Amino acid sequence: MWTEIVSADALVSSGREILLNDLKFSESERPIVAQLFTGHPEKMRQAAALVQSLGFDGLDINMGCPDRTVEKQHAGAALLKDLLRAKEIIRAARQGAPRLPISVKTRTGYNKNEIDTLIPALLEEGVAAIIIHTRTRKEMSSVPARWEAVERAVALRDSFGGRARAKTLIIGNGDVKGLAEAREKAERYGCDGVMLGRAIFGNPFLFRNKNVLSESEGHYIPTIEEKLKVMVEHTKLFEEIFGQTKSFAVMKKHFKAYAGGFDGARELRMELMEAKSSTGVEAIVKNFLSSKV
């Protein structure tokens, strides 16, 4: 499990307490990796020490986020244009958290595919894993994922030799919708693992399929009632954990994901978009389900 992206700069500032909510986790989520972004090595060193003290199993440096506010801080995808700074940040993370494996989540390049330059530069730092989102920063998500880049990264790792060949994992990411597809991608492109991101939106049931080896074995398919009840539970947990620090509007993207693919979903989504609390969401869902009886 990876946390959402969290600012290392903010974690070592006076506003730390608010962001610590983003780093909460339960024992059932292990192994869990804290994902941080920054453009400042010293901030990363301090934040890495905090992450280690919080009991995380790993630390991931985000080098792929295309958000402009992140890039203005010389962080996220902006580090693809400044590999010297990226290397300094990796070293700072290792200094701050010497007991944790350090990984990097990145893209194939900024404006064009730069795998042949990027991967060796990261391997030189001896990172534990490189997670590759198979598009450039410029492409965002407007083109299909280019998984051939993962295959190339594996070849570069294998030819690099030494510690990297033995230690550095190559993990692919992009457009994978389930565990069976992830296993197929890993086998086809030779990578050590596959990261799922958007696949989990509206589908926490994905984890019930952890032993599914192929599409033919089938997946657990929840009923509409099950999906909506989990959506309500999700909303209540959001309020409980983030109610004082984040806008309830954050839940709208989740409502869109949960409420889809069944009769009446569009009308249900429209109602959910107007909800202001978990109480309102629960009432809307109860009304919807009772109308279907």
Protein backbone atom coordinates (compact mmCIF):
# COMPACT_ATOMS: atom_id res chain seq x y z
CA MET A 1 0.00 0.00 0.00
CA TRP A 2 1.14 3.55 -0.80
CA THR A 3 -0.17 6.66 0.92
CA GLU A 4 -1.44 9.55 -1.12
CA ILE A 5 1.16 12.13 -2.10
CA VAL A 6 2.17 14.30 0.88
CA SER A 7 4.33 17.44 0.99
CA ALA A 8 7.64 16.87 2.76
CA ASP A 9 8.00 20.65 3.16
CA ALA A 10 4.70 20.90 5.04
CA LEU A 11 5.53 17.88 7.19
CA VAL A 12 8.52 19.69 8.66
CA SER A 13 6.72 23.01 9.13
CA SER A 14 4.44 24.33 11.84
CA GLY A 15 1.44 22.86 9.96
CA ARG A 16 2.62 19.29 10.44
CA GLU A 17 -0.29 18.16 12.61
CA ILE A 18 -2.85 18.62 9.83
CA LEU A 19 -0.87 16.55 7.34
CA LEU A 20 -0.21 13.74 9.78
CA ASN A 21 -3.79 12.62 9.12
CA ASP A 22 -2.68 11.76 5.58
CA LEU A 23 -0.07 9.42 7.01
CA LYS A 24 -2.34 7.44 9.30
CA PHE A 25 -2.47 3.72 8.61
CA SER A 26 -3.60 0.48 10.20
CA GLU A 27 -1.60 -2.70 10.72
CA SER A 28 -3.78 -4.47 8.14
CA GLU A 29 -2.39 -2.16 5.46
CA ARG A 30 1.21 -3.34 5.86
CA PRO A 31 3.57 -3.27 4.13
CA ILE A 32 2.85 0.44 3.64
CA VAL A 33 4.96 3.11 1.96
CA ALA A 34 4.80 6.86 2.63
CA GLN A 35 4.79 8.85 -0.62
CA LEU A 36 6.36 12.32 -0.35
CA PHE A 37 7.18 15.17 -2.70
CA THR A 38 9.63 18.04 -2.40
CA GLY A 39 12.21 19.97 -4.36
CA HIS A 40 14.46 20.51 -1.34
CA PRO A 41 16.91 17.83 -0.15
CA GLU A 42 17.08 19.10 3.42
CA LYS A 43 13.29 19.08 3.74
CA MET A 44 13.28 15.51 2.46
CA ARG A 45 15.93 14.48 4.97
CA GLN A 46 13.85 15.83 7.86
CA ALA A 47 10.57 14.40 6.54
CA ALA A 48 12.20 11.02 5.90
CA ALA A 49 13.29 10.87 9.54
CA LEU A 50 9.69 11.56 10.56
CA VAL A 51 8.37 8.84 8.24
CA GLN A 52 10.79 6.34 9.73
CA SER A 53 9.75 7.30 13.26
CA LEU A 54 6.08 6.77 12.34
CA GLY A 55 6.77 3.12 11.57
CA PHE A 56 6.38 3.02 7.80
CA ASP A 57 7.83 0.11 5.83
CA GLY A 58 9.23 2.28 3.03
CA LEU A 59 9.53 5.79 1.64
CA ASP A 60 8.63 6.74 -1.91
CA ILE A 61 9.73 9.93 -3.65
CA ASN A 62 7.19 11.22 -6.17
CA MET A 63 8.86 12.28 -9.43
CA GLY A 64 5.78 12.10 -11.60
CA CYS A 65 2.99 14.32 -10.23
CA PRO A 66 1.95 16.79 -12.97
CA ASP A 67 0.10 19.18 -10.65
CA ARG A 68 1.36 22.68 -11.39
CA THR A 69 1.46 23.73 -7.74
CA VAL A 70 3.73 20.75 -7.06
CA GLU A 71 5.91 21.46 -10.08
CA LYS A 72 6.34 25.11 -9.05
CA GLN A 73 8.08 23.76 -5.96
CA HIS A 74 10.60 21.98 -8.25
CA ALA A 75 8.97 18.70 -7.19
CA GLY A 76 6.92 15.93 -8.75
CA ALA A 77 7.34 15.71 -12.52
CA ALA A 78 9.56 18.82 -12.48
CA LEU A 79 12.37 16.62 -11.14
CA LEU A 80 12.43 14.86 -14.51
CA LYS A 81 14.03 18.05 -15.83
CA ASP A 82 16.58 18.22 -13.01
CA LEU A 83 18.08 14.79 -12.32
CA LEU A 84 20.92 16.25 -10.27
CA ARG A 85 18.39 17.68 -7.82
CA ALA A 86 16.47 14.38 -7.91
CA LYS A 87 19.62 12.48 -6.97
CA GLU A 88 20.28 14.86 -4.07
CA ILE A 89 16.75 14.29 -2.79
CA ILE A 90 17.16 10.50 -2.97
CA ARG A 91 20.39 10.72 -0.97
CA ALA A 92 18.75 13.01 1.56
CA ALA A 93 15.89 10.53 2.00
CA ARG A 94 18.38 7.75 2.67
CA GLN A 95 20.20 9.91 5.22
CA GLY A 96 16.97 10.72 7.02
CA ALA A 97 15.57 7.18 6.97
CA PRO A 98 18.55 4.81 6.83
CA ARG A 99 16.44 1.82 7.89
CA LEU A 100 13.84 2.21 5.14
CA PRO A 101 13.97 1.15 1.48
CA ILE A 102 13.70 4.23 -0.77
CA SER A 103 11.71 4.01 -4.00
CA VAL A 104 10.89 6.49 -6.76
CA LYS A 105 7.56 6.89 -8.56
CA THR A 106 8.10 8.54 -11.90
CA ARG A 107 7.08 8.80 -15.57
CA THR A 108 8.78 7.89 -18.83
CA GLY A 109 9.95 11.48 -19.24
CA TYR A 110 8.77 15.07 -19.23
CA ASN A 111 8.12 16.01 -22.87
CA LYS A 112 9.38 12.81 -24.47
CA ASN A 113 10.45 9.29 -23.58
CA GLU A 114 13.71 9.56 -21.64
CA ILE A 115 13.85 6.07 -20.14
CA ASP A 116 17.38 5.42 -21.40
CA THR A 117 18.67 8.38 -19.41
CA LEU A 118 16.29 8.30 -16.47
CA ILE A 119 16.54 4.66 -15.39
CA PRO A 120 20.37 4.49 -15.23
CA ALA A 121 20.41 7.75 -13.25
CA LEU A 122 18.06 6.25 -10.66
CA LEU A 123 19.86 2.91 -10.61
CA GLU A 124 23.09 4.73 -9.78
CA GLU A 125 21.45 5.81 -6.52
CA GLY A 126 20.63 2.23 -5.58
CA VAL A 127 16.92 2.80 -5.05
CA ALA A 128 14.89 -0.18 -3.86
CA ALA A 129 12.24 0.20 -6.56
CA ILE A 130 11.34 2.33 -9.56
CA ILE A 131 7.62 2.67 -10.25
CA ILE A 132 7.05 3.83 -13.83
CA HIS A 133 3.82 5.47 -14.92
CA THR A 134 3.98 4.63 -18.62
CA ARG A 135 3.31 8.09 -20.03
CA THR A 136 5.27 11.34 -20.16
CA ARG A 137 4.30 14.42 -18.17
CA LYS A 138 3.19 16.07 -21.42
CA GLU A 139 0.92 13.14 -22.31
CA MET A 140 -0.80 13.15 -18.90
CA SER A 141 -3.53 10.49 -19.32
CA SER A 142 -4.58 11.54 -22.82
CA VAL A 143 -2.95 8.55 -24.55
CA PRO A 144 -2.97 4.83 -23.80
CA ALA A 145 -0.31 3.61 -21.38
CA ARG A 146 2.91 2.64 -23.18
CA TRP A 147 3.95 -0.55 -21.39
CA GLU A 148 6.89 -1.12 -23.72
CA ALA A 149 8.67 1.47 -21.56
CA VAL A 150 8.46 -0.91 -18.61
CA GLU A 151 10.02 -3.70 -20.65
CA ARG A 152 12.83 -1.32 -21.62
CA ALA A 153 13.35 -0.30 -18.00
CA VAL A 154 13.69 -3.96 -17.01
CA ALA A 155 16.29 -4.47 -19.75
CA LEU A 156 18.23 -1.43 -18.56
CA ARG A 157 18.13 -2.68 -14.97
CA ASP A 158 19.30 -6.14 -15.99
CA SER A 159 22.15 -4.77 -18.08
CA PHE A 160 23.20 -2.36 -15.34
CA GLY A 161 24.39 -5.26 -13.22
CA GLY A 162 25.75 -5.19 -9.73
CA ARG A 163 23.54 -4.08 -6.87
CA ALA A 164 20.81 -2.67 -9.11
CA ARG A 165 20.28 -5.95 -10.91
CA ALA A 166 19.93 -7.79 -7.63
CA LYS A 167 18.03 -5.21 -5.60
CA THR A 168 16.08 -2.67 -7.67
CA LEU A 169 12.51 -3.68 -8.49
CA ILE A 170 10.84 -2.36 -11.63
CA ILE A 171 7.11 -1.80 -11.12
CA GLY A 172 4.77 -0.79 -13.96
CA ASN A 173 1.78 1.50 -13.66
CA GLY A 174 -0.89 2.69 -16.07
CA ASP A 175 -4.43 1.72 -17.11
CA VAL A 176 -4.46 -1.63 -15.27
CA LYS A 177 -7.98 -2.37 -14.06
CA GLY A 178 -7.57 -5.50 -11.94
CA LEU A 179 -5.27 -8.08 -10.42
CA ALA A 180 -5.54 -10.65 -13.20
CA GLU A 181 -4.56 -7.99 -15.75
CA ALA A 182 -1.73 -6.89 -13.47
CA ARG A 183 -0.34 -10.44 -13.38
CA GLU A 184 -0.62 -10.68 -17.16
CA LYS A 185 1.27 -7.39 -17.57
CA ALA A 186 3.99 -8.46 -15.15
CA GLU A 187 4.52 -11.70 -17.04
CA ARG A 188 4.40 -10.09 -20.48
CA TYR A 189 6.76 -7.21 -19.76
CA GLY A 190 9.00 -8.92 -17.23
CA CYS A 191 8.53 -6.41 -14.41
CA ASP A 192 8.59 -7.28 -10.72
CA GLY A 193 5.18 -5.88 -9.95
CA VAL A 194 2.32 -3.64 -11.05
CA MET A 195 0.86 -0.64 -9.23
CA LEU A 196 -2.90 -0.09 -9.29
CA GLY A 197 -4.16 3.46 -8.81
CA ARG A 198 -7.49 4.43 -10.33
CA ALA A 199 -8.58 0.77 -10.35
CA ILE A 200 -9.44 1.02 -6.67
CA PHE A 201 -11.82 3.99 -7.08
CA GLY A 202 -15.32 2.78 -6.28
CA ASN A 203 -14.01 -0.77 -5.98
CA PRO A 204 -12.46 -1.60 -2.60
CA PHE A 205 -13.75 -5.10 -3.34
CA LEU A 206 -10.69 -5.41 -5.58
CA PHE A 207 -8.81 -6.79 -2.59
CA ARG A 208 -11.22 -9.71 -2.31
CA ASN A 209 -9.74 -10.87 -5.62
CA LYS A 210 -6.17 -11.11 -4.37
CA ASN A 211 -5.92 -14.80 -5.20
CA VAL A 212 -7.36 -14.47 -8.71
CA LEU A 213 -4.72 -15.63 -11.18
CA SER A 214 -6.53 -15.13 -14.46
CA GLU A 215 -9.61 -13.45 -15.90
CA SER A 216 -11.22 -16.87 -16.42
CA GLU A 217 -11.27 -17.46 -12.67
CA GLY A 218 -13.63 -14.55 -12.26
CA HIS A 219 -13.81 -11.70 -9.78
CA TYR A 220 -15.97 -10.95 -6.80
CA ILE A 221 -18.76 -8.75 -8.14
CA PRO A 222 -20.60 -6.82 -5.42
CA THR A 223 -24.30 -6.13 -5.57
CA ILE A 224 -25.50 -2.56 -6.01
CA GLU A 225 -26.55 -2.54 -2.35
CA GLU A 226 -23.10 -3.69 -1.23
CA LYS A 227 -21.35 -1.00 -3.28
CA LEU A 228 -23.56 1.78 -1.98
CA LYS A 229 -23.32 0.65 1.65
CA VAL A 230 -19.53 0.67 1.37
CA MET A 231 -19.76 4.15 -0.18
CA VAL A 232 -21.67 5.31 2.91
CA GLU A 233 -19.08 3.69 5.19
CA HIS A 234 -16.30 5.38 3.18
CA THR A 235 -18.03 8.74 3.55
CA LYS A 236 -18.39 8.35 7.32
CA LEU A 237 -14.71 7.43 7.64
CA PHE A 238 -13.74 10.45 5.56
CA GLU A 239 -15.66 12.72 7.92
CA GLU A 240 -14.20 11.01 10.97
CA ILE A 241 -10.59 11.28 9.83
CA PHE A 242 -10.52 14.36 7.59
CA GLY A 243 -13.65 16.26 8.57
CA GLN A 244 -11.70 19.10 10.20
CA THR A 245 -8.98 19.40 7.55
CA LYS A 246 -10.48 18.64 4.11
CA SER A 247 -13.50 19.77 2.17
CA PHE A 248 -16.38 17.30 1.92
CA ALA A 249 -16.27 18.00 -1.83
CA VAL A 250 -13.28 15.64 -2.05
CA MET A 251 -15.77 12.78 -1.82
CA LYS A 252 -17.45 13.75 -5.10
CA LYS A 253 -14.89 11.88 -7.21
CA HIS A 254 -15.62 8.76 -5.15
CA PHE A 255 -19.39 9.15 -5.53
CA LYS A 256 -18.89 9.17 -9.30
CA ALA A 257 -16.90 5.96 -9.08
CA TYR A 258 -19.27 4.07 -6.77
CA ALA A 259 -22.50 5.13 -8.45
CA GLY A 260 -22.15 3.88 -11.99
CA GLY A 261 -23.08 1.00 -14.26
CA PHE A 262 -26.62 0.37 -13.05
CA ASP A 263 -30.13 1.68 -13.67
CA GLY A 264 -30.73 4.99 -11.96
CA ALA A 265 -27.03 5.64 -11.36
CA ARG A 266 -27.02 8.99 -13.15
CA GLU A 267 -29.89 10.36 -11.09
CA LEU A 268 -28.32 8.99 -7.91
CA ARG A 269 -25.02 10.72 -8.71
CA MET A 270 -26.79 14.03 -9.23
CA GLU A 271 -28.32 13.77 -5.77
CA LEU A 272 -25.05 12.73 -4.17
CA MET A 273 -23.27 15.74 -5.65
CA GLU A 274 -25.57 17.96 -3.57
CA ALA A 275 -24.93 16.12 -0.29
CA LYS A 276 -23.07 18.06 2.41
CA SER A 277 -22.44 15.29 4.95
CA SER A 278 -22.36 11.54 5.48
CA THR A 279 -25.81 11.80 7.03
CA GLY A 280 -27.13 13.26 3.79
CA VAL A 281 -25.38 10.59 1.73
CA GLU A 282 -26.81 7.81 3.89
CA ALA A 283 -30.34 9.21 3.55
CA ILE A 284 -30.01 9.46 -0.25
CA VAL A 285 -28.75 5.88 -0.50
CA LYS A 286 -31.52 4.51 1.76
CA ASN A 287 -34.12 6.28 -0.33
CA PHE A 288 -32.60 4.95 -3.57
CA LEU A 289 -32.43 1.36 -2.34
CA SER A 290 -35.96 1.42 -0.93
CA SER A 291 -37.26 2.63 -4.30
CA LYS A 292 -35.73 -0.45 -5.95
CA VAL A 293 -37.44 -2.97 -3.68
